[in-house]
C-alpha cells in the first residue's frame, strides 16, 4: 500500500515537471529571443478622432466582482 502511494506521487511529480517544461520553455524562448511587432499610427486614423470617455464601470465594482467570482469558483467543490 505504501509503495503504491509513493508510485502515484512520483507519477504526479513527473507529470508536473513535464507540463511545466512544456509551458516554461516556450515562454522563456519568446522572452529571450522574441520581438514584439511595432508599428506607428496615422494622423488620419478614424479611431483616434473619438473623444476620451471615462470608465463606465467603477474599479471597486470590478475588484469585488473578481474576488467574489474567484471565491465562488474555488469553494464550489
N, C-alpha and C. Protein backbone atom coordinates (compact mmCIF):
# COMPACT_ATOMS: atom_id res chain seq x y z
N UNK A 1 0.82 -1.20 0.00
CA UNK A 1 0.00 0.00 0.00
C UNK A 1 0.86 1.26 0.00
N UNK A 2 1.91 1.26 0.82
CA UNK A 2 2.78 2.43 0.90
C UNK A 2 3.55 2.63 -0.40
N UNK A 3 4.00 1.52 -1.01
CA UNK A 3 4.71 1.62 -2.28
C UNK A 3 3.81 2.17 -3.38
N UNK A 4 2.54 1.80 -3.33
CA UNK A 4 1.58 2.28 -4.33
C UNK A 4 1.39 3.79 -4.22
N UNK A 5 1.34 4.30 -3.00
CA UNK A 5 1.18 5.74 -2.78
C UNK A 5 2.41 6.49 -3.29
N UNK A 6 3.59 5.94 -3.03
CA UNK A 6 4.82 6.58 -3.48
C UNK A 6 4.89 6.61 -5.01
N UNK A 7 4.47 5.52 -5.65
CA UNK A 7 4.48 5.47 -7.12
C UNK A 7 3.52 6.50 -7.69
N UNK A 8 2.35 6.64 -7.09
CA UNK A 8 1.37 7.62 -7.56
C UNK A 8 1.93 9.03 -7.39
N UNK A 9 2.58 9.31 -6.26
CA UNK A 9 3.14 10.64 -6.04
C UNK A 9 4.28 10.92 -7.00
N UNK A 10 5.11 9.92 -7.29
CA UNK A 10 6.20 10.11 -8.25
C UNK A 10 5.64 10.39 -9.63
N UNK A 11 4.57 9.69 -10.01
CA UNK A 11 3.94 9.94 -11.31
C UNK A 11 3.40 11.37 -11.39
N UNK A 12 2.80 11.84 -10.30
CA UNK A 12 2.27 13.21 -10.29
C UNK A 12 3.40 14.23 -10.42
N UNK A 13 4.50 13.99 -9.73
CA UNK A 13 5.64 14.90 -9.80
C UNK A 13 6.22 14.91 -11.21
N UNK A 14 6.38 13.74 -11.81
CA UNK A 14 6.91 13.66 -13.17
C UNK A 14 5.98 14.36 -14.15
N UNK A 15 4.68 14.16 -14.01
CA UNK A 15 3.72 14.84 -14.88
C UNK A 15 3.79 16.35 -14.70
N UNK A 16 3.91 16.81 -13.46
CA UNK A 16 4.03 18.25 -13.20
C UNK A 16 5.29 18.82 -13.85
N UNK A 17 6.39 18.11 -13.75
CA UNK A 17 7.64 18.58 -14.35
C UNK A 17 7.52 18.63 -15.87
N UNK A 18 6.90 17.63 -16.47
CA UNK A 18 6.71 17.61 -17.93
C UNK A 18 5.83 18.78 -18.36
N UNK A 19 4.73 19.00 -17.66
CA UNK A 19 3.83 20.10 -18.03
C UNK A 19 4.51 21.45 -17.83
N UNK A 20 5.28 21.59 -16.76
CA UNK A 20 6.00 22.84 -16.52
C UNK A 20 7.00 23.11 -17.64
N UNK A 21 7.69 22.07 -18.08
CA UNK A 21 8.63 22.23 -19.19
C UNK A 21 7.92 22.56 -20.49
N UNK A 22 6.77 21.94 -20.74
CA UNK A 22 6.02 22.21 -21.97
C UNK A 22 5.54 23.66 -22.04
N UNK A 23 5.30 24.25 -20.90
CA UNK A 23 4.84 25.64 -20.89
C UNK A 23 5.99 26.61 -20.66
N UNK A 24 6.93 26.23 -19.83
CA UNK A 24 8.02 27.13 -19.46
C UNK A 24 9.02 27.41 -20.56
N UNK A 25 9.42 26.38 -21.30
CA UNK A 25 10.43 26.58 -22.35
C UNK A 25 9.94 27.50 -23.46
N UNK A 26 8.72 27.35 -23.98
CA UNK A 26 8.27 28.31 -25.00
C UNK A 26 8.20 29.75 -24.48
N UNK A 27 7.77 29.92 -23.23
CA UNK A 27 7.71 31.27 -22.67
C UNK A 27 9.11 31.85 -22.55
N UNK A 28 10.06 31.05 -22.07
CA UNK A 28 11.45 31.51 -21.96
C UNK A 28 12.01 31.83 -23.34
N UNK A 29 11.74 30.98 -24.32
CA UNK A 29 12.22 31.22 -25.68
C UNK A 29 11.68 32.55 -26.22
N UNK A 30 10.38 32.78 -26.06
CA UNK A 30 9.80 34.03 -26.56
C UNK A 30 10.33 35.24 -25.81
N UNK A 31 10.55 35.10 -24.51
CA UNK A 31 11.06 36.21 -23.71
C UNK A 31 12.48 36.58 -24.13
N UNK A 32 13.32 35.59 -24.38
CA UNK A 32 14.72 35.86 -24.69
C UNK A 32 14.94 36.24 -26.15
N UNK A 33 14.27 35.57 -27.09
CA UNK A 33 14.57 35.78 -28.49
C UNK A 33 13.41 36.36 -29.29
N UNK A 34 12.27 36.51 -28.70
CA UNK A 34 11.14 37.06 -29.43
C UNK A 34 11.18 38.57 -29.45
N UNK A 35 10.57 39.15 -30.44
CA UNK A 35 10.49 40.60 -30.50
C UNK A 35 9.06 40.99 -30.86
N UNK A 36 8.60 42.02 -30.22
CA UNK A 36 7.23 42.49 -30.44
C UNK A 36 7.17 43.27 -31.75
N UNK A 37 6.05 43.17 -32.39
CA UNK A 37 5.83 43.91 -33.63
C UNK A 37 5.50 45.34 -33.26
N UNK A 38 6.21 46.29 -33.85
CA UNK A 38 5.98 47.70 -33.56
C UNK A 38 5.50 48.38 -34.82
N UNK A 39 4.50 49.20 -34.66
CA UNK A 39 4.02 49.97 -35.79
C UNK A 39 3.62 51.35 -35.30
N UNK A 40 3.59 52.28 -36.19
CA UNK A 40 3.23 53.64 -35.85
C UNK A 40 1.74 53.87 -35.99
N UNK A 41 1.34 55.12 -35.94
CA UNK A 41 -0.07 55.46 -36.14
C UNK A 41 -0.14 56.53 -37.22
N UNK A 42 -1.31 56.62 -37.80
CA UNK A 42 -1.53 57.59 -38.86
C UNK A 42 -2.44 58.70 -38.33
N UNK A 43 -2.12 59.92 -38.68
CA UNK A 43 -2.90 61.05 -38.17
C UNK A 43 -4.34 61.03 -38.68
N UNK A 44 -4.61 60.44 -39.80
CA UNK A 44 -5.98 60.39 -40.32
C UNK A 44 -6.70 59.11 -39.92
N UNK A 45 -6.21 58.42 -38.90
CA UNK A 45 -6.86 57.20 -38.40
C UNK A 45 -8.17 57.60 -37.73
N UNK A 46 -9.28 57.01 -38.15
CA UNK A 46 -10.59 57.41 -37.63
C UNK A 46 -10.79 56.99 -36.18
N UNK A 47 -10.08 55.99 -35.70
CA UNK A 47 -10.25 55.58 -34.31
C UNK A 47 -9.60 56.57 -33.34
N UNK A 48 -8.74 57.47 -33.83
CA UNK A 48 -8.08 58.44 -32.96
C UNK A 48 -8.88 59.72 -32.79
N UNK A 49 -9.92 59.93 -33.57
CA UNK A 49 -10.65 61.19 -33.50
C UNK A 49 -11.81 61.15 -32.51
N UNK A 50 -12.06 59.99 -31.90
CA UNK A 50 -13.14 59.90 -30.93
C UNK A 50 -12.70 60.52 -29.61
N UNK A 51 -13.61 61.21 -28.91
CA UNK A 51 -13.22 61.83 -27.64
C UNK A 51 -13.00 60.78 -26.55
N UNK A 52 -12.22 61.15 -25.54
CA UNK A 52 -11.93 60.26 -24.43
C UNK A 52 -13.13 60.20 -23.50
N UNK A 53 -13.52 59.00 -23.08
CA UNK A 53 -14.61 58.81 -22.13
C UNK A 53 -14.06 58.11 -20.89
N UNK A 54 -14.56 58.51 -19.76
CA UNK A 54 -14.18 57.85 -18.52
C UNK A 54 -14.70 56.42 -18.52
N UNK A 55 -14.21 55.63 -17.60
CA UNK A 55 -14.63 54.24 -17.49
C UNK A 55 -16.11 54.17 -17.14
N UNK A 56 -16.83 53.23 -17.75
CA UNK A 56 -18.25 53.11 -17.47
C UNK A 56 -18.53 52.27 -16.23
N UNK A 57 -17.56 51.45 -15.82
CA UNK A 57 -17.71 50.61 -14.64
C UNK A 57 -16.66 51.04 -13.62
N UNK A 58 -17.07 51.36 -12.39
CA UNK A 58 -16.09 51.77 -11.39
C UNK A 58 -15.13 50.63 -11.05
N UNK A 59 -13.92 51.00 -10.66
CA UNK A 59 -12.89 50.00 -10.35
C UNK A 59 -13.30 49.12 -9.18
N UNK A 60 -13.94 49.70 -8.18
CA UNK A 60 -14.29 48.90 -7.00
C UNK A 60 -15.28 47.79 -7.36
N UNK A 61 -16.15 48.04 -8.35
CA UNK A 61 -17.09 47.01 -8.78
C UNK A 61 -16.34 45.84 -9.43
N UNK A 62 -15.34 46.16 -10.22
CA UNK A 62 -14.54 45.11 -10.85
C UNK A 62 -13.78 44.30 -9.81
N UNK A 63 -13.22 44.97 -8.81
CA UNK A 63 -12.47 44.27 -7.76
C UNK A 63 -13.38 43.32 -6.98
N UNK A 64 -14.54 43.81 -6.56
CA UNK A 64 -15.46 42.98 -5.77
C UNK A 64 -15.96 41.81 -6.61
N UNK A 65 -16.34 42.07 -7.85
CA UNK A 65 -16.83 41.00 -8.71
C UNK A 65 -15.75 39.96 -8.97
N UNK A 66 -14.54 40.40 -9.23
CA UNK A 66 -13.44 39.47 -9.48
C UNK A 66 -13.14 38.60 -8.28
N UNK A 67 -13.08 39.19 -7.10
CA UNK A 67 -12.80 38.42 -5.88
C UNK A 67 -13.96 37.48 -5.57
N UNK A 68 -15.19 37.97 -5.70
CA UNK A 68 -16.36 37.13 -5.39
C UNK A 68 -16.46 35.94 -6.35
N UNK A 69 -16.24 36.17 -7.63
CA UNK A 69 -16.31 35.06 -8.59
C UNK A 69 -15.22 34.02 -8.32
N UNK A 70 -14.02 34.49 -7.99
CA UNK A 70 -12.96 33.54 -7.66
C UNK A 70 -13.30 32.73 -6.42
N UNK A 71 -13.85 33.37 -5.40
CA UNK A 71 -14.24 32.65 -4.18
C UNK A 71 -15.33 31.62 -4.47
N UNK A 72 -16.30 31.98 -5.29
CA UNK A 72 -17.39 31.05 -5.62
C UNK A 72 -16.85 29.85 -6.39
N UNK A 73 -15.98 30.10 -7.36
CA UNK A 73 -15.44 29.00 -8.16
C UNK A 73 -14.57 28.08 -7.32
N UNK A 74 -13.75 28.65 -6.46
CA UNK A 74 -12.85 27.83 -5.65
C UNK A 74 -13.63 27.03 -4.61
N UNK A 75 -14.65 27.63 -4.02
CA UNK A 75 -15.38 26.95 -2.94
C UNK A 75 -16.54 26.10 -3.44
N UNK A 76 -16.76 25.99 -4.74
CA UNK A 76 -17.92 25.25 -5.24
C UNK A 76 -17.63 23.78 -5.49
N UNK A 77 -16.78 23.20 -4.72
CA UNK A 77 -16.47 21.79 -4.91
C UNK A 77 -17.42 20.88 -4.19
